[in-house]
Amino acid sequence: MQIKGIKRGNIIEISESLNIPDGSEVLIEVPDAPRTNNEERLKRLHQILGAWKYKTE
């Protein structure tokens, strides 16, 4: 079975109903996220914040 969820702190919120009893143990596999260096992170941050710069209401 494969399901989607969103991580919030130490809790993973599942986006669909599971037909398993409360308290059941589950195994979660999380693929390794590609690591980026600080320069790549800063460039991405500028792209995101730059989009807000020109946003009009």
PDB file of N, CA and C in Angstrom:
ATOM      1  N   MET A   1       0.843  -1.162   0.000  1.00  0.00           N
ATOM      2  CA  MET A   1       0.000   0.000   0.000  1.00  0.00           C
ATOM      3  C   MET A   1       0.898   1.237   0.000  1.00  0.00           C
ATOM      4  N   GLN A   2       0.518   2.241  -0.761  1.00  0.00           N
ATOM      5  CA  GLN A   2       1.253   3.492  -0.781  1.00  0.00           C
ATOM      6  C   GLN A   2       0.255   4.614  -0.544  1.00  0.00           C
ATOM      7  N   ILE A   3       0.566   5.494   0.409  1.00  0.00           N
ATOM      8  CA  ILE A   3      -0.325   6.596   0.744  1.00  0.00           C
ATOM      9  C   ILE A   3       0.484   7.889   0.847  1.00  0.00           C
ATOM     10  N   LYS A   4      -0.213   9.013   0.800  1.00  0.00           N
ATOM     11  CA  LYS A   4       0.442  10.305   0.927  1.00  0.00           C
ATOM     12  C   LYS A   4       0.148  10.904   2.289  1.00  0.00           C
ATOM     13  N   GLY A   5       1.080  11.688   2.774  1.00  0.00           N
ATOM     14  CA  GLY A   5       0.900  12.392   4.021  1.00  0.00           C
ATOM     15  C   GLY A   5       1.765  13.638   4.036  1.00  0.00           C
ATOM     16  N   ILE A   6       1.543  14.485   5.026  1.00  0.00           N
ATOM     17  CA  ILE A   6       2.319  15.707   5.187  1.00  0.00           C
ATOM     18  C   ILE A   6       2.962  15.685   6.562  1.00  0.00           C
ATOM     19  N   LYS A   7       4.267  15.931   6.604  1.00  0.00           N
ATOM     20  CA  LYS A   7       4.995  15.949   7.865  1.00  0.00           C
ATOM     21  C   LYS A   7       4.826  17.313   8.514  1.00  0.00           C
ATOM     22  N   ARG A   8       4.435  17.317   9.773  1.00  0.00           N
ATOM     23  CA  ARG A   8       4.332  18.539  10.568  1.00  0.00           C
ATOM     24  C   ARG A   8       4.998  18.246  11.909  1.00  0.00           C
ATOM     25  N   GLY A   9       6.240  18.681  12.046  1.00  0.00           N
ATOM     26  CA  GLY A   9       6.999  18.352  13.249  1.00  0.00           C
ATOM     27  C   GLY A   9       7.273  16.857  13.262  1.00  0.00           C
ATOM     28  N   ASN A  10       6.892  16.190  14.353  1.00  0.00           N
ATOM     29  CA  ASN A  10       7.074  14.738  14.450  1.00  0.00           C
ATOM     30  C   ASN A  10       5.817  13.973  14.076  1.00  0.00           C
ATOM     31  N   ILE A  11       4.840  14.645  13.510  1.00  0.00           N
ATOM     32  CA  ILE A  11       3.569  14.004  13.146  1.00  0.00           C
ATOM     33  C   ILE A  11       3.435  13.988  11.628  1.00  0.00           C
ATOM     34  N   ILE A  12       2.969  12.866  11.094  1.00  0.00           N
ATOM     35  CA  ILE A  12       2.673  12.767   9.663  1.00  0.00           C
ATOM     36  C   ILE A  12       1.163  12.659   9.525  1.00  0.00           C
ATOM     37  N   GLU A  13       0.562  13.653   8.872  1.00  0.00           N
ATOM     38  CA  GLU A  13      -0.878  13.663   8.647  1.00  0.00           C
ATOM     39  C   GLU A  13      -1.170  12.926   7.343  1.00  0.00           C
ATOM     40  N   ILE A  14      -1.952  11.862   7.440  1.00  0.00           N
ATOM     41  CA  ILE A  14      -2.308  11.054   6.272  1.00  0.00           C
ATOM     42  C   ILE A  14      -3.507  11.694   5.575  1.00  0.00           C
ATOM     43  N   SER A  15      -3.441  11.798   4.248  1.00  0.00           N
ATOM     44  CA  SER A  15      -4.479  12.499   3.501  1.00  0.00           C
ATOM     45  C   SER A  15      -5.655  11.615   3.089  1.00  0.00           C
ATOM     46  N   GLU A  16      -5.675  10.375   3.508  1.00  0.00           N
ATOM     47  CA  GLU A  16      -6.780   9.479   3.159  1.00  0.00           C
ATOM     48  C   GLU A  16      -7.074   8.548   4.330  1.00  0.00           C
ATOM     49  N   SER A  17      -8.235   7.921   4.308  1.00  0.00           N
ATOM     50  CA  SER A  17      -8.609   7.004   5.385  1.00  0.00           C
ATOM     51  C   SER A  17      -7.813   5.707   5.285  1.00  0.00           C
ATOM     52  N   LEU A  18      -7.402   5.216   6.438  1.00  0.00           N
ATOM     53  CA  LEU A  18      -6.716   3.929   6.490  1.00  0.00           C
ATOM     54  C   LEU A  18      -7.604   2.950   7.236  1.00  0.00           C
ATOM     55  N   ASN A  19      -7.726   1.785   6.709  1.00  0.00           N
ATOM     56  CA  ASN A  19      -8.557   0.765   7.336  1.00  0.00           C
ATOM     57  C   ASN A  19      -7.690  -0.108   8.246  1.00  0.00           C
ATOM     58  N   ILE A  20      -7.071   0.536   9.245  1.00  0.00           N
ATOM     59  CA  ILE A  20      -6.279  -0.196  10.228  1.00  0.00           C
ATOM     60  C   ILE A  20      -6.669   0.322  11.611  1.00  0.00           C
ATOM     61  N   PRO A  21      -6.598  -0.516  12.609  1.00  0.00           N
ATOM     62  CA  PRO A  21      -6.994  -0.086  13.951  1.00  0.00           C
ATOM     63  C   PRO A  21      -6.001   0.908  14.559  1.00  0.00           C
ATOM     64  N   ASP A  22      -6.526   1.813  15.402  1.00  0.00           N
ATOM     65  CA  ASP A  22      -5.654   2.741  16.128  1.00  0.00           C
ATOM     66  C   ASP A  22      -4.636   1.953  16.938  1.00  0.00           C
ATOM     67  N   GLY A  23      -3.464   2.474  17.029  1.00  0.00           N
ATOM     68  CA  GLY A  23      -2.403   1.820  17.777  1.00  0.00           C
ATOM     69  C   GLY A  23      -1.607   0.828  16.957  1.00  0.00           C
ATOM     70  N   SER A  24      -2.000   0.622  15.703  1.00  0.00           N
ATOM     71  CA  SER A  24      -1.259  -0.305  14.837  1.00  0.00           C
ATOM     72  C   SER A  24       0.105   0.277  14.505  1.00  0.00           C
ATOM     73  N   GLU A  25       1.108  -0.569  14.481  1.00  0.00           N
ATOM     74  CA  GLU A  25       2.445  -0.141  14.085  1.00  0.00           C
ATOM     75  C   GLU A  25       2.518  -0.108  12.575  1.00  0.00           C
ATOM     76  N   VAL A  26       3.098   0.956  12.030  1.00  0.00           N
ATOM     77  CA  VAL A  26       3.275   1.077  10.584  1.00  0.00           C
ATOM     78  C   VAL A  26       4.745   1.364  10.295  1.00  0.00           C
ATOM     79  N   LEU A  27       5.187   1.002   9.132  1.00  0.00           N
ATOM     80  CA  LEU A  27       6.551   1.251   8.686  1.00  0.00           C
ATOM     81  C   LEU A  27       6.492   2.305   7.596  1.00  0.00           C
ATOM     82  N   ILE A  28       7.285   3.350   7.743  1.00  0.00           N
ATOM     83  CA  ILE A  28       7.300   4.444   6.770  1.00  0.00           C
ATOM     84  C   ILE A  28       8.676   4.510   6.139  1.00  0.00           C
ATOM     85  N   GLU A  29       8.701   4.519   4.818  1.00  0.00           N
ATOM     86  CA  GLU A  29       9.963   4.663   4.099  1.00  0.00           C
ATOM     87  C   GLU A  29      10.002   6.045   3.477  1.00  0.00           C
ATOM     88  N   VAL A  30      11.025   6.801   3.794  1.00  0.00           N
ATOM     89  CA  VAL A  30      11.172   8.154   3.274  1.00  0.00           C
ATOM     90  C   VAL A  30      12.393   8.178   2.367  1.00  0.00           C
ATOM     91  N   PRO A  31      12.199   8.514   1.091  1.00  0.00           N
ATOM     92  CA  PRO A  31      13.349   8.561   0.197  1.00  0.00           C
ATOM     93  C   PRO A  31      14.274   9.707   0.597  1.00  0.00           C
ATOM     94  N   ASP A  32      15.560   9.509   0.384  1.00  0.00           N
ATOM     95  CA  ASP A  32      16.528  10.557   0.681  1.00  0.00           C
ATOM     96  C   ASP A  32      16.295  11.749  -0.234  1.00  0.00           C
ATOM     97  N   ALA A  33      16.220  12.924   0.368  1.00  0.00           N
ATOM     98  CA  ALA A  33      16.084  14.144  -0.420  1.00  0.00           C
ATOM     99  C   ALA A  33      17.469  14.563  -0.897  1.00  0.00           C
ATOM    100  N   PRO A  34      17.548  15.037  -2.120  1.00  0.00           N
ATOM    101  CA  PRO A  34      18.861  15.476  -2.593  1.00  0.00           C
ATOM    102  C   PRO A  34      19.332  16.665  -1.758  1.00  0.00           C
ATOM    103  N   ARG A  35      20.574  16.630  -1.347  1.00  0.00           N
ATOM    104  CA  ARG A  35      21.124  17.717  -0.541  1.00  0.00           C
ATOM    105  C   ARG A  35      21.614  18.823  -1.465  1.00  0.00           C
ATOM    106  N   THR A  36      21.360  20.040  -1.051  1.00  0.00           N
ATOM    107  CA  THR A  36      21.825  21.179  -1.827  1.00  0.00           C
ATOM    108  C   THR A  36      22.810  21.975  -0.989  1.00  0.00           C
ATOM    109  N   ASN A  37      23.691  22.647  -1.682  1.00  0.00           N
ATOM    110  CA  ASN A  37      24.649  23.473  -0.950  1.00  0.00           C
ATOM    111  C   ASN A  37      24.011  24.834  -0.634  1.00  0.00           C
ATOM    112  N   ASN A  38      24.671  25.619   0.179  1.00  0.00           N
ATOM    113  CA  ASN A  38      24.120  26.904   0.608  1.00  0.00           C
ATOM    114  C   ASN A  38      23.874  27.854  -0.553  1.00  0.00           C
ATOM    115  N   GLU A  39      24.732  27.818  -1.556  1.00  0.00           N
ATOM    116  CA  GLU A  39      24.553  28.697  -2.716  1.00  0.00           C
ATOM    117  C   GLU A  39      23.261  28.363  -3.462  1.00  0.00           C
ATOM    118  N   GLU A  40      22.988  27.080  -3.641  1.00  0.00           N
ATOM    119  CA  GLU A  40      21.756  26.665  -4.323  1.00  0.00           C
ATOM    120  C   GLU A  40      20.531  27.036  -3.490  1.00  0.00           C
ATOM    121  N   ARG A  41      20.604  26.876  -2.175  1.00  0.00           N
ATOM    122  CA  ARG A  41      19.488  27.245  -1.301  1.00  0.00           C
ATOM    123  C   ARG A  41      19.212  28.743  -1.377  1.00  0.00           C
ATOM    124  N   LEU A  42      20.266  29.554  -1.339  1.00  0.00           N
ATOM    125  CA  LEU A  42      20.114  30.997  -1.406  1.00  0.00           C
ATOM    126  C   LEU A  42      19.508  31.417  -2.744  1.00  0.00           C
ATOM    127  N   LYS A  43      19.939  30.796  -3.829  1.00  0.00           N
ATOM    128  CA  LYS A  43      19.399  31.106  -5.151  1.00  0.00           C
ATOM    129  C   LYS A  43      17.903  30.788  -5.201  1.00  0.00           C
ATOM    130  N   ARG A  44      17.514  29.637  -4.655  1.00  0.00           N
ATOM    131  CA  ARG A  44      16.098  29.249  -4.644  1.00  0.00           C
ATOM    132  C   ARG A  44      15.283  30.205  -3.768  1.00  0.00           C
ATOM    133  N   LEU A  45      15.840  30.606  -2.637  1.00  0.00           N
ATOM    134  CA  LEU A  45      15.155  31.540  -1.757  1.00  0.00           C
ATOM    135  C   LEU A  45      14.921  32.875  -2.452  1.00  0.00           C
ATOM    136  N   HIS A  46      15.924  33.356  -3.190  1.00  0.00           N
ATOM    137  CA  HIS A  46      15.768  34.603  -3.935  1.00  0.00           C
ATOM    138  C   HIS A  46      14.702  34.471  -5.025  1.00  0.00           C
ATOM    139  N   GLN A  47      14.592  33.296  -5.638  1.00  0.00           N
ATOM    140  CA  GLN A  47      13.558  33.084  -6.651  1.00  0.00           C
ATOM    141  C   GLN A  47      12.175  33.180  -6.023  1.00  0.00           C
ATOM    142  N   ILE A  48      12.017  32.557  -4.867  1.00  0.00           N
ATOM    143  CA  ILE A  48      10.713  32.564  -4.192  1.00  0.00           C
ATOM    144  C   ILE A  48      10.362  33.968  -3.719  1.00  0.00           C
ATOM    145  N   LEU A  49      11.290  34.619  -3.025  1.00  0.00           N
ATOM    146  CA  LEU A  49      11.017  35.951  -2.498  1.00  0.00           C
ATOM    147  C   LEU A  49      10.897  36.985  -3.608  1.00  0.00           C
ATOM    148  N   GLY A  50      11.624  36.783  -4.690  1.00  0.00           N
ATOM    149  CA  GLY A  50      11.527  37.702  -5.818  1.00  0.00           C
ATOM    150  C   GLY A  50      10.151  37.685  -6.463  1.00  0.00           C
ATOM    151  N   ALA A  51       9.498  36.539  -6.450  1.00  0.00           N
ATOM    152  CA  ALA A  51       8.148  36.443  -7.018  1.00  0.00           C
ATOM    153  C   ALA A  51       7.181  37.298  -6.219  1.00  0.00           C
ATOM    154  N   TRP A  52       7.364  37.386  -4.908  1.00  0.00           N
ATOM    155  CA  TRP A  52       6.487  38.199  -4.058  1.00  0.00           C
ATOM    156  C   TRP A  52       6.738  39.695  -4.294  1.00  0.00           C
ATOM    157  N   LYS A  53       7.950  40.034  -4.670  1.00  0.00           N
ATOM    158  CA  LYS A  53       8.328  41.437  -4.864  1.00  0.00           C
ATOM    159  C   LYS A  53       7.427  42.125  -5.873  1.00  0.00           C
ATOM    160  N   TYR A  54       7.022  41.401  -6.907  1.00  0.00           N
ATOM    161  CA  TYR A  54       6.230  42.005  -7.984  1.00  0.00           C
ATOM    162  C   TYR A  54       4.751  41.699  -7.880  1.00  0.00           C
ATOM    163  N   LYS A  55       4.346  41.040  -6.822  1.00  0.00           N
ATOM    164  CA  LYS A  55       2.934  40.682  -6.669  1.00  0.00           C
ATOM    165  C   LYS A  55       2.126  41.917  -6.289  1.00  0.00           C
ATOM    166  N   THR A  56       1.000  42.132  -6.980  1.00  0.00           N
ATOM    167  CA  THR A  56       0.111  43.237  -6.658  1.00  0.00           C
ATOM    168  C   THR A  56      -1.205  42.682  -6.148  1.00  0.00           C
ATOM    169  N   GLU A  57      -1.843  43.446  -5.334  1.00  0.00           N
ATOM    170  CA  GLU A  57      -3.128  42.979  -4.770  1.00  0.00           C
ATOM    171  C   GLU A  57      -4.286  43.543  -5.522  1.00  0.00           C
TER     172      GLU A  57
END
